[in-house]
């Protein structure tokens, strides 16, 4: 399937690659902050998803430049949850050694 001359899968990657990178960098940056609340991966995932929803909802305000997209919330949430799971599993494996 294609859209014009660009394959649909490539167009999807191009549209959401920046959201994935943004969510990844925000998640890793927040992990650098030493907060006891973040020691639980579930609490940290909930915090990150909430933060991403708030950031996306702010784009609905008329004074803030941005384009609201519900799929952005889904993409960013999945990215953050995957990063958290990978890092927490890796940390637990490191602690066992």
PDB file of N, CA and C in Angstrom:
ATOM      1  N   UNK A   1       0.833  -1.178   0.000  1.00  0.00           N
ATOM      2  CA  UNK A   1       0.000   0.000   0.000  1.00  0.00           C
ATOM      3  C   UNK A   1       0.881   1.246   0.000  1.00  0.00           C
ATOM      4  N   UNK A   2       0.468   2.260  -0.713  1.00  0.00           N
ATOM      5  CA  UNK A   2       1.284   3.470  -0.744  1.00  0.00           C
ATOM      6  C   UNK A   2       0.415   4.710  -0.774  1.00  0.00           C
ATOM      7  N   UNK A   3       0.989   5.797  -0.325  1.00  0.00           N
ATOM      8  CA  UNK A   3       0.366   7.117  -0.381  1.00  0.00           C
ATOM      9  C   UNK A   3       1.204   7.953  -1.319  1.00  0.00           C
ATOM     10  N   UNK A   4       0.724   8.185  -2.491  1.00  0.00           N
ATOM     11  CA  UNK A   4       1.537   8.896  -3.474  1.00  0.00           C
ATOM     12  C   UNK A   4       2.709   8.017  -3.845  1.00  0.00           C
ATOM     13  N   UNK A   5       3.894   8.547  -3.729  1.00  0.00           N
ATOM     14  CA  UNK A   5       5.091   7.779  -4.061  1.00  0.00           C
ATOM     15  C   UNK A   5       5.767   7.193  -2.820  1.00  0.00           C
ATOM     16  N   UNK A   6       5.235   7.503  -1.624  1.00  0.00           N
ATOM     17  CA  UNK A   6       5.839   7.022  -0.376  1.00  0.00           C
ATOM     18  C   UNK A   6       5.026   5.842   0.153  1.00  0.00           C
ATOM     19  N   UNK A   7       5.664   4.707   0.442  1.00  0.00           N
ATOM     20  CA  UNK A   7       4.935   3.573   1.034  1.00  0.00           C
ATOM     21  C   UNK A   7       4.311   3.980   2.364  1.00  0.00           C
ATOM     22  N   UNK A   8       3.131   3.434   2.647  1.00  0.00           N
ATOM     23  CA  UNK A   8       2.391   3.789   3.856  1.00  0.00           C
ATOM     24  C   UNK A   8       3.188   3.511   5.129  1.00  0.00           C
ATOM     25  N   UNK A   9       3.912   2.392   5.188  1.00  0.00           N
ATOM     26  CA  UNK A   9       4.686   2.073   6.392  1.00  0.00           C
ATOM     27  C   UNK A   9       5.793   3.097   6.622  1.00  0.00           C
ATOM     28  N   UNK A  10       6.432   3.543   5.556  1.00  0.00           N
ATOM     29  CA  UNK A  10       7.481   4.551   5.681  1.00  0.00           C
ATOM     30  C   UNK A  10       6.905   5.887   6.120  1.00  0.00           C
ATOM     31  N   UNK A  11       5.742   6.238   5.601  1.00  0.00           N
ATOM     32  CA  UNK A  11       5.086   7.485   5.988  1.00  0.00           C
ATOM     33  C   UNK A  11       4.687   7.448   7.467  1.00  0.00           C
ATOM     34  N   UNK A  12       4.219   6.301   7.933  1.00  0.00           N
ATOM     35  CA  UNK A  12       3.849   6.153   9.344  1.00  0.00           C
ATOM     36  C   UNK A  12       5.067   6.312  10.232  1.00  0.00           C
ATOM     37  N   UNK A  13       6.151   5.677   9.856  1.00  0.00           N
ATOM     38  CA  UNK A  13       7.399   5.807  10.627  1.00  0.00           C
ATOM     39  C   UNK A  13       7.856   7.254  10.647  1.00  0.00           C
ATOM     40  N   UNK A  14       7.808   7.915   9.507  1.00  0.00           N
ATOM     41  CA  UNK A  14       8.238   9.306   9.440  1.00  0.00           C
ATOM     42  C   UNK A  14       7.360  10.204  10.311  1.00  0.00           C
ATOM     43  N   UNK A  15       6.057   9.933  10.346  1.00  0.00           N
ATOM     44  CA  UNK A  15       5.146  10.768  11.129  1.00  0.00           C
ATOM     45  C   UNK A  15       5.321  10.586  12.630  1.00  0.00           C
ATOM     46  N   UNK A  16       5.658   9.385  13.071  1.00  0.00           N
ATOM     47  CA  UNK A  16       5.708   9.124  14.503  1.00  0.00           C
ATOM     48  C   UNK A  16       7.111   8.924  15.052  1.00  0.00           C
ATOM     49  N   UNK A  17       8.119   8.981  14.231  1.00  0.00           N
ATOM     50  CA  UNK A  17       9.492   8.804  14.713  1.00  0.00           C
ATOM     51  C   UNK A  17       9.864   9.886  15.729  1.00  0.00           C
ATOM     52  N   UNK A  18       9.451  11.110  15.481  1.00  0.00           N
ATOM     53  CA  UNK A  18       9.776  12.190  16.413  1.00  0.00           C
ATOM     54  C   UNK A  18       9.063  12.005  17.752  1.00  0.00           C
ATOM     55  N   UNK A  19       7.836  11.492  17.723  1.00  0.00           N
ATOM     56  CA  UNK A  19       7.121  11.223  18.974  1.00  0.00           C
ATOM     57  C   UNK A  19       7.811  10.119  19.763  1.00  0.00           C
ATOM     58  N   UNK A  20       8.285   9.104  19.059  1.00  0.00           N
ATOM     59  CA  UNK A  20       8.997   8.012  19.720  1.00  0.00           C
ATOM     60  C   UNK A  20      10.285   8.528  20.347  1.00  0.00           C
ATOM     61  N   UNK A  21      11.031   9.326  19.612  1.00  0.00           N
ATOM     62  CA  UNK A  21      12.283   9.888  20.135  1.00  0.00           C
ATOM     63  C   UNK A  21      12.024  10.825  21.313  1.00  0.00           C
ATOM     64  N   UNK A  22      10.974  11.626  21.214  1.00  0.00           N
ATOM     65  CA  UNK A  22      10.635  12.548  22.289  1.00  0.00           C
ATOM     66  C   UNK A  22      10.277  11.774  23.555  1.00  0.00           C
ATOM     67  N   UNK A  23       9.426  10.755  23.429  1.00  0.00           N
ATOM     68  CA  UNK A  23       9.014   9.969  24.592  1.00  0.00           C
ATOM     69  C   UNK A  23      10.205   9.226  25.195  1.00  0.00           C
ATOM     70  N   UNK A  24      11.076   8.696  24.337  1.00  0.00           N
ATOM     71  CA  UNK A  24      12.267   7.992  24.824  1.00  0.00           C
ATOM     72  C   UNK A  24      13.169   8.938  25.618  1.00  0.00           C
ATOM     73  N   UNK A  25      13.447  10.102  25.053  1.00  0.00           N
ATOM     74  CA  UNK A  25      14.353  11.035  25.734  1.00  0.00           C
ATOM     75  C   UNK A  25      13.743  11.571  27.025  1.00  0.00           C
ATOM     76  N   UNK A  26      12.443  11.828  27.029  1.00  0.00           N
ATOM     77  CA  UNK A  26      11.788  12.302  28.247  1.00  0.00           C
ATOM     78  C   UNK A  26      11.819  11.226  29.330  1.00  0.00           C
ATOM     79  N   UNK A  27      11.559   9.985  28.949  1.00  0.00           N
ATOM     80  CA  UNK A  27      11.569   8.891  29.915  1.00  0.00           C
ATOM     81  C   UNK A  27      12.954   8.702  30.522  1.00  0.00           C
ATOM     82  N   UNK A  28      13.970   8.688  29.684  1.00  0.00           N
ATOM     83  CA  UNK A  28      15.337   8.512  30.182  1.00  0.00           C
ATOM     84  C   UNK A  28      15.756   9.704  31.041  1.00  0.00           C
ATOM     85  N   UNK A  29      15.375  10.904  30.648  1.00  0.00           N
ATOM     86  CA  UNK A  29      15.702  12.092  31.442  1.00  0.00           C
ATOM     87  C   UNK A  29      15.033  12.030  32.814  1.00  0.00           C
ATOM     88  N   UNK A  30      13.791  11.578  32.853  1.00  0.00           N
ATOM     89  CA  UNK A  30      13.093  11.474  34.135  1.00  0.00           C
ATOM     90  C   UNK A  30      13.700  10.378  35.017  1.00  0.00           C
ATOM     91  N   UNK A  31      14.276   9.354  34.393  1.00  0.00           N
ATOM     92  CA  UNK A  31      14.949   8.316  35.183  1.00  0.00           C
ATOM     93  C   UNK A  31      16.205   8.851  35.864  1.00  0.00           C
ATOM     94  N   UNK A  32      16.779   9.907  35.304  1.00  0.00           N
ATOM     95  CA  UNK A  32      17.981  10.505  35.898  1.00  0.00           C
ATOM     96  C   UNK A  32      17.658  11.247  37.191  1.00  0.00           C
ATOM     97  N   UNK A  33      16.398  11.602  37.378  1.00  0.00           N
ATOM     98  CA  UNK A  33      15.971  12.289  38.597  1.00  0.00           C
ATOM     99  C   UNK A  33      15.782  11.237  39.678  1.00  0.00           C
ATOM    100  N   UNK A  34      16.474  11.382  40.783  1.00  0.00           N
ATOM    101  CA  UNK A  34      16.398  10.408  41.870  1.00  0.00           C
ATOM    102  C   UNK A  34      15.170  10.701  42.739  1.00  0.00           C
ATOM    103  N   UNK A  35      14.066  10.049  42.422  1.00  0.00           N
ATOM    104  CA  UNK A  35      12.834  10.194  43.196  1.00  0.00           C
ATOM    105  C   UNK A  35      12.424   8.796  43.662  1.00  0.00           C
ATOM    106  N   UNK A  36      12.217   8.603  44.970  1.00  0.00           N
ATOM    107  CA  UNK A  36      11.847   7.266  45.458  1.00  0.00           C
ATOM    108  C   UNK A  36      10.582   6.703  44.794  1.00  0.00           C
ATOM    109  N   UNK A  37       9.676   7.582  44.390  1.00  0.00           N
ATOM    110  CA  UNK A  37       8.435   7.174  43.725  1.00  0.00           C
ATOM    111  C   UNK A  37       8.731   6.395  42.445  1.00  0.00           C
ATOM    112  N   UNK A  38       9.852   6.691  41.788  1.00  0.00           N
ATOM    113  CA  UNK A  38      10.174   6.069  40.506  1.00  0.00           C
ATOM    114  C   UNK A  38      10.798   4.678  40.656  1.00  0.00           C
ATOM    115  N   UNK A  39      10.997   4.218  41.888  1.00  0.00           N
ATOM    116  CA  UNK A  39      11.611   2.895  42.066  1.00  0.00           C
ATOM    117  C   UNK A  39      10.682   1.774  41.627  1.00  0.00           C
ATOM    118  N   UNK A  40       9.401   2.026  41.655  1.00  0.00           N
ATOM    119  CA  UNK A  40       8.426   1.053  41.164  1.00  0.00           C
ATOM    120  C   UNK A  40       8.173   1.347  39.686  1.00  0.00           C
ATOM    121  N   UNK A  41       8.337   0.343  38.849  1.00  0.00           N
ATOM    122  CA  UNK A  41       8.155   0.566  37.412  1.00  0.00           C
ATOM    123  C   UNK A  41       6.710   0.912  37.084  1.00  0.00           C
ATOM    124  N   UNK A  42       5.753   0.368  37.835  1.00  0.00           N
ATOM    125  CA  UNK A  42       4.347   0.676  37.564  1.00  0.00           C
ATOM    126  C   UNK A  42       4.033   2.137  37.896  1.00  0.00           C
ATOM    127  N   UNK A  43       4.548   2.625  39.012  1.00  0.00           N
ATOM    128  CA  UNK A  43       4.325   4.033  39.390  1.00  0.00           C
ATOM    129  C   UNK A  43       4.971   4.967  38.381  1.00  0.00           C
ATOM    130  N   UNK A  44       6.167   4.606  37.952  1.00  0.00           N
ATOM    131  CA  UNK A  44       6.871   5.447  36.991  1.00  0.00           C
ATOM    132  C   UNK A  44       6.153   5.448  35.645  1.00  0.00           C
ATOM    133  N   UNK A  45       5.658   4.287  35.218  1.00  0.00           N
ATOM    134  CA  UNK A  45       4.921   4.206  33.948  1.00  0.00           C
ATOM    135  C   UNK A  45       3.646   5.038  34.030  1.00  0.00           C
ATOM    136  N   UNK A  46       2.945   4.964  35.156  1.00  0.00           N
ATOM    137  CA  UNK A  46       1.734   5.763  35.332  1.00  0.00           C
ATOM    138  C   UNK A  46       2.049   7.251  35.289  1.00  0.00           C
ATOM    139  N   UNK A  47       3.123   7.651  35.940  1.00  0.00           N
ATOM    140  CA  UNK A  47       3.542   9.050  35.925  1.00  0.00           C
ATOM    141  C   UNK A  47       3.857   9.518  34.506  1.00  0.00           C
ATOM    142  N   UNK A  48       4.601   8.709  33.759  1.00  0.00           N
ATOM    143  CA  UNK A  48       5.004   9.103  32.407  1.00  0.00           C
ATOM    144  C   UNK A  48       3.805   9.192  31.469  1.00  0.00           C
ATOM    145  N   UNK A  49       2.893   8.238  31.551  1.00  0.00           N
ATOM    146  CA  UNK A  49       1.705   8.275  30.685  1.00  0.00           C
ATOM    147  C   UNK A  49       0.860   9.501  31.024  1.00  0.00           C
ATOM    148  N   UNK A  50       0.708   9.796  32.314  1.00  0.00           N
ATOM    149  CA  UNK A  50      -0.046  10.978  32.735  1.00  0.00           C
ATOM    150  C   UNK A  50       0.614  12.247  32.213  1.00  0.00           C
ATOM    151  N   UNK A  51       1.930  12.335  32.333  1.00  0.00           N
ATOM    152  CA  UNK A  51       2.659  13.503  31.842  1.00  0.00           C
ATOM    153  C   UNK A  51       2.486  13.667  30.327  1.00  0.00           C
ATOM    154  N   UNK A  52       2.561  12.573  29.606  1.00  0.00           N
ATOM    155  CA  UNK A  52       2.411  12.648  28.152  1.00  0.00           C
ATOM    156  C   UNK A  52       1.001  13.061  27.748  1.00  0.00           C
ATOM    157  N   UNK A  53      -0.009  12.583  28.468  1.00  0.00           N
ATOM    158  CA  UNK A  53      -1.387  12.986  28.185  1.00  0.00           C
ATOM    159  C   UNK A  53      -1.553  14.480  28.452  1.00  0.00           C
ATOM    160  N   UNK A  54      -1.014  14.960  29.559  1.00  0.00           N
ATOM    161  CA  UNK A  54      -1.104  16.392  29.882  1.00  0.00           C
ATOM    162  C   UNK A  54      -0.405  17.226  28.813  1.00  0.00           C
ATOM    163  N   UNK A  55       0.796  16.796  28.415  1.00  0.00           N
ATOM    164  CA  UNK A  55       1.537  17.557  27.402  1.00  0.00           C
ATOM    165  C   UNK A  55       0.762  17.616  26.077  1.00  0.00           C
ATOM    166  N   UNK A  56       0.132  16.525  25.721  1.00  0.00           N
ATOM    167  CA  UNK A  56      -0.629  16.506  24.462  1.00  0.00           C
ATOM    168  C   UNK A  56      -1.916  17.322  24.604  1.00  0.00           C
ATOM    169  N   UNK A  57      -2.562  17.246  25.754  1.00  0.00           N
ATOM    170  CA  UNK A  57      -3.806  17.995  25.965  1.00  0.00           C
ATOM    171  C   UNK A  57      -3.558  19.500  25.994  1.00  0.00           C
ATOM    172  N   UNK A  58      -2.370  19.914  26.405  1.00  0.00           N
ATOM    173  CA  UNK A  58      -2.049  21.339  26.395  1.00  0.00           C
ATOM    174  C   UNK A  58      -2.124  21.910  24.982  1.00  0.00           C
ATOM    175  N   UNK A  59      -1.931  21.059  23.988  1.00  0.00           N
ATOM    176  CA  UNK A  59      -1.980  21.523  22.606  1.00  0.00           C
ATOM    177  C   UNK A  59      -3.398  21.887  22.171  1.00  0.00           C
ATOM    178  N   UNK A  60      -4.390  21.527  22.958  1.00  0.00           N
ATOM    179  CA  UNK A  60      -5.772  21.903  22.665  1.00  0.00           C
ATOM    180  C   UNK A  60      -6.071  23.355  23.053  1.00  0.00           C
ATOM    181  N   UNK A  61      -5.211  23.911  23.916  1.00  0.00           N
ATOM    182  CA  UNK A  61      -5.413  25.300  24.342  1.00  0.00           C
ATOM    183  C   UNK A  61      -5.108  26.241  23.181  1.00  0.00           C
ATOM    184  N   UNK A  62      -5.911  27.292  23.023  1.00  0.00           N
ATOM    185  CA  UNK A  62      -5.717  28.182  21.873  1.00  0.00           C
ATOM    186  C   UNK A  62      -4.418  28.993  21.913  1.00  0.00           C
ATOM    187  N   UNK A  63      -3.866  29.226  23.101  1.00  0.00           N
ATOM    188  CA  UNK A  63      -2.657  30.039  23.211  1.00  0.00           C
ATOM    189  C   UNK A  63      -1.371  29.256  22.977  1.00  0.00           C
ATOM    190  N   UNK A  64      -1.469  27.936  22.918  1.00  0.00           N
ATOM    191  CA  UNK A  64      -0.284  27.102  22.755  1.00  0.00           C
ATOM    192  C   UNK A  64      -0.273  26.534  21.345  1.00  0.00           C
ATOM    193  N   UNK A  65       0.853  26.725  20.662  1.00  0.00           N
ATOM    194  CA  UNK A  65       0.983  26.217  19.306  1.00  0.00           C
ATOM    195  C   UNK A  65       1.210  24.716  19.344  1.00  0.00           C
ATOM    196  N   UNK A  66       0.425  23.999  18.618  1.00  0.00           N
ATOM    197  CA  UNK A  66       0.587  22.550  18.542  1.00  0.00           C
ATOM    198  C   UNK A  66      -0.611  21.926  17.876  1.00  0.00           C
ATOM    199  N   UNK A  67      -0.462  20.707  17.480  1.00  0.00           N
ATOM    200  CA  UNK A  67      -1.539  19.980  16.839  1.00  0.00           C
ATOM    201  C   UNK A  67      -1.841  18.750  17.677  1.00  0.00           C
ATOM    202  N   UNK A  68      -3.014  18.728  18.280  1.00  0.00           N
ATOM    203  CA  UNK A  68      -3.410  17.594  19.107  1.00  0.00           C
ATOM    204  C   UNK A  68      -3.643  16.375  18.225  1.00  0.00           C
ATOM    205  N   UNK A  69      -3.127  15.243  18.682  1.00  0.00           N
ATOM    206  CA  UNK A  69      -3.332  13.985  17.976  1.00  0.00           C
ATOM    207  C   UNK A  69      -3.399  12.875  19.011  1.00  0.00           C
ATOM    208  N   UNK A  70      -4.538  12.193  19.088  1.00  0.00           N
ATOM    209  CA  UNK A  70      -4.717  11.134  20.071  1.00  0.00           C
ATOM    210  C   UNK A  70      -3.753   9.978  19.833  1.00  0.00           C
ATOM    211  N   UNK A  71      -3.395   9.730  18.585  1.00  0.00           N
ATOM    212  CA  UNK A  71      -2.457   8.645  18.287  1.00  0.00           C
ATOM    213  C   UNK A  71      -1.086   8.967  18.871  1.00  0.00           C
ATOM    214  N   UNK A  72      -0.730  10.242  18.964  1.00  0.00           N
ATOM    215  CA  UNK A  72       0.532  10.629  19.607  1.00  0.00           C
ATOM    216  C   UNK A  72       0.581  10.125  21.047  1.00  0.00           C
ATOM    217  N   UNK A  73      -0.533  10.244  21.749  1.00  0.00           N
ATOM    218  CA  UNK A  73      -0.591   9.786  23.137  1.00  0.00           C
ATOM    219  C   UNK A  73      -0.330   8.287  23.200  1.00  0.00           C
ATOM    220  N   UNK A  74      -0.933   7.552  22.295  1.00  0.00           N
ATOM    221  CA  UNK A  74      -0.751   6.097  22.273  1.00  0.00           C
ATOM    222  C   UNK A  74       0.696   5.742  21.963  1.00  0.00           C
ATOM    223  N   UNK A  75       1.263   6.370  20.928  1.00  0.00           N
ATOM    224  CA  UNK A  75       2.646   6.090  20.523  1.00  0.00           C
ATOM    225  C   UNK A  75       3.619   6.446  21.644  1.00  0.00           C
ATOM    226  N   UNK A  76       3.458   7.602  22.248  1.00  0.00           N
ATOM    227  CA  UNK A  76       4.351   8.039  23.320  1.00  0.00           C
ATOM    228  C   UNK A  76       4.210   7.144  24.556  1.00  0.00           C
ATOM    229  N   UNK A  77       2.997   6.740  24.873  1.00  0.00           N
ATOM    230  CA  UNK A  77       2.776   5.877  26.038  1.00  0.00           C
ATOM    231  C   UNK A  77       3.414   4.512  25.828  1.00  0.00           C
ATOM    232  N   UNK A  78       3.216   3.928  24.662  1.00  0.00           N
ATOM    233  CA  UNK A  78       3.822   2.628  24.370  1.00  0.00           C
ATOM    234  C   UNK A  78       5.336   2.721  24.436  1.00  0.00           C
ATOM    235  N   UNK A  79       5.895   3.783  23.867  1.00  0.00           N
ATOM    236  CA  UNK A  79       7.349   3.967  23.894  1.00  0.00           C
ATOM    237  C   UNK A  79       7.862   4.068  25.323  1.00  0.00           C
ATOM    238  N   UNK A  80       7.221   4.885  26.137  1.00  0.00           N
ATOM    239  CA  UNK A  80       7.668   5.057  27.523  1.00  0.00           C
ATOM    240  C   UNK A  80       7.567   3.761  28.311  1.00  0.00           C
ATOM    241  N   UNK A  81       6.475   3.043  28.142  1.00  0.00           N
ATOM    242  CA  UNK A  81       6.296   1.792  28.868  1.00  0.00           C
ATOM    243  C   UNK A  81       7.351   0.776  28.441  1.00  0.00           C
ATOM    244  N   UNK A  82       7.636   0.693  27.162  1.00  0.00           N
ATOM    245  CA  UNK A  82       8.676  -0.226  26.689  1.00  0.00           C
ATOM    246  C   UNK A  82      10.046   0.143  27.244  1.00  0.00           C
ATOM    247  N   UNK A  83      10.369   1.422  27.229  1.00  0.00           N
ATOM    248  CA  UNK A  83      11.668   1.871  27.764  1.00  0.00           C
ATOM    249  C   UNK A  83      11.769   1.538  29.248  1.00  0.00           C
ATOM    250  N   UNK A  84      10.713   1.808  29.990  1.00  0.00           N
ATOM    251  CA  UNK A  84      10.717   1.529  31.429  1.00  0.00           C
ATOM    252  C   UNK A  84      10.893   0.034  31.680  1.00  0.00           C
ATOM    253  N   UNK A  85      10.135  -0.777  30.973  1.00  0.00           N
ATOM    254  CA  UNK A  85      10.243  -2.226  31.161  1.00  0.00           C
ATOM    255  C   UNK A  85      11.640  -2.724  30.828  1.00  0.00           C
ATOM    256  N   UNK A  86      12.188  -2.277  29.717  1.00  0.00           N
ATOM    257  CA  UNK A  86      13.531  -2.713  29.317  1.00  0.00           C
ATOM    258  C   UNK A  86      14.564  -2.306  30.364  1.00  0.00           C
ATOM    259  N   UNK A  87      14.519  -1.056  30.810  1.00  0.00           N
ATOM    260  CA  UNK A  87      15.514  -0.576  31.769  1.00  0.00           C
ATOM    261  C   UNK A  87      15.361  -1.230  33.137  1.00  0.00           C
ATOM    262  N   UNK A  88      14.129  -1.434  33.591  1.00  0.00           N
ATOM    263  CA  UNK A  88      13.934  -2.066  34.885  1.00  0.00           C
ATOM    264  C   UNK A  88      14.315  -3.544  34.849  1.00  0.00           C
ATOM    265  N   UNK A  89      14.027  -4.242  33.762  1.00  0.00           N
ATOM    266  CA  UNK A  89      14.425  -5.648  33.635  1.00  0.00           C
ATOM    267  C   UNK A  89      15.944  -5.755  33.575  1.00  0.00           C
ATOM    268  N   UNK A  90      16.561  -4.850  32.838  1.00  0.00           N
ATOM    269  CA  UNK A  90      18.020  -4.845  32.730  1.00  0.00           C
ATOM    270  C   UNK A  90      18.633  -4.541  34.100  1.00  0.00           C
ATOM    271  N   UNK A  91      18.057  -3.622  34.853  1.00  0.00           N
ATOM    272  CA  UNK A  91      18.577  -3.275  36.182  1.00  0.00           C
ATOM    273  C   UNK A  91      18.466  -4.458  37.128  1.00  0.00           C
ATOM    274  N   UNK A  92      17.327  -5.174  37.080  1.00  0.00           N
ATOM    275  CA  UNK A  92      17.158  -6.341  37.943  1.00  0.00           C
ATOM    276  C   UNK A  92      18.154  -7.440  37.576  1.00  0.00           C
ATOM    277  N   UNK A  93      18.401  -7.637  36.303  1.00  0.00           N
ATOM    278  CA  UNK A  93      19.362  -8.646  35.873  1.00  0.00           C
ATOM    279  C   UNK A  93      20.763  -8.277  36.336  1.00  0.00           C
ATOM    280  N   UNK A  94      21.086  -6.983  36.280  1.00  0.00           N
ATOM    281  CA  UNK A  94      22.395  -6.499  36.718  1.00  0.00           C
ATOM    282  C   UNK A  94      22.581  -6.699  38.220  1.00  0.00           C
ATOM    283  N   UNK A  95      21.501  -6.466  38.991  1.00  0.00           N
ATOM    284  CA  UNK A  95      21.573  -6.615  40.450  1.00  0.00           C
ATOM    285  C   UNK A  95      21.760  -8.063  40.858  1.00  0.00           C
ATOM    286  N   UNK A  96      21.257  -9.012  40.060  1.00  0.00           N
ATOM    287  CA  UNK A  96      21.369 -10.432  40.391  1.00  0.00           C
ATOM    288  C   UNK A  96      22.790 -10.947  40.188  1.00  0.00           C
ATOM    289  N   UNK A  97      23.541 -10.303  39.326  1.00  0.00           N
ATOM    290  CA  UNK A  97      24.919 -10.762  39.039  1.00  0.00           C
ATOM    291  C   UNK A  97      25.860 -10.494  40.163  1.00  0.00           C
TER     292      UNK A  97
END
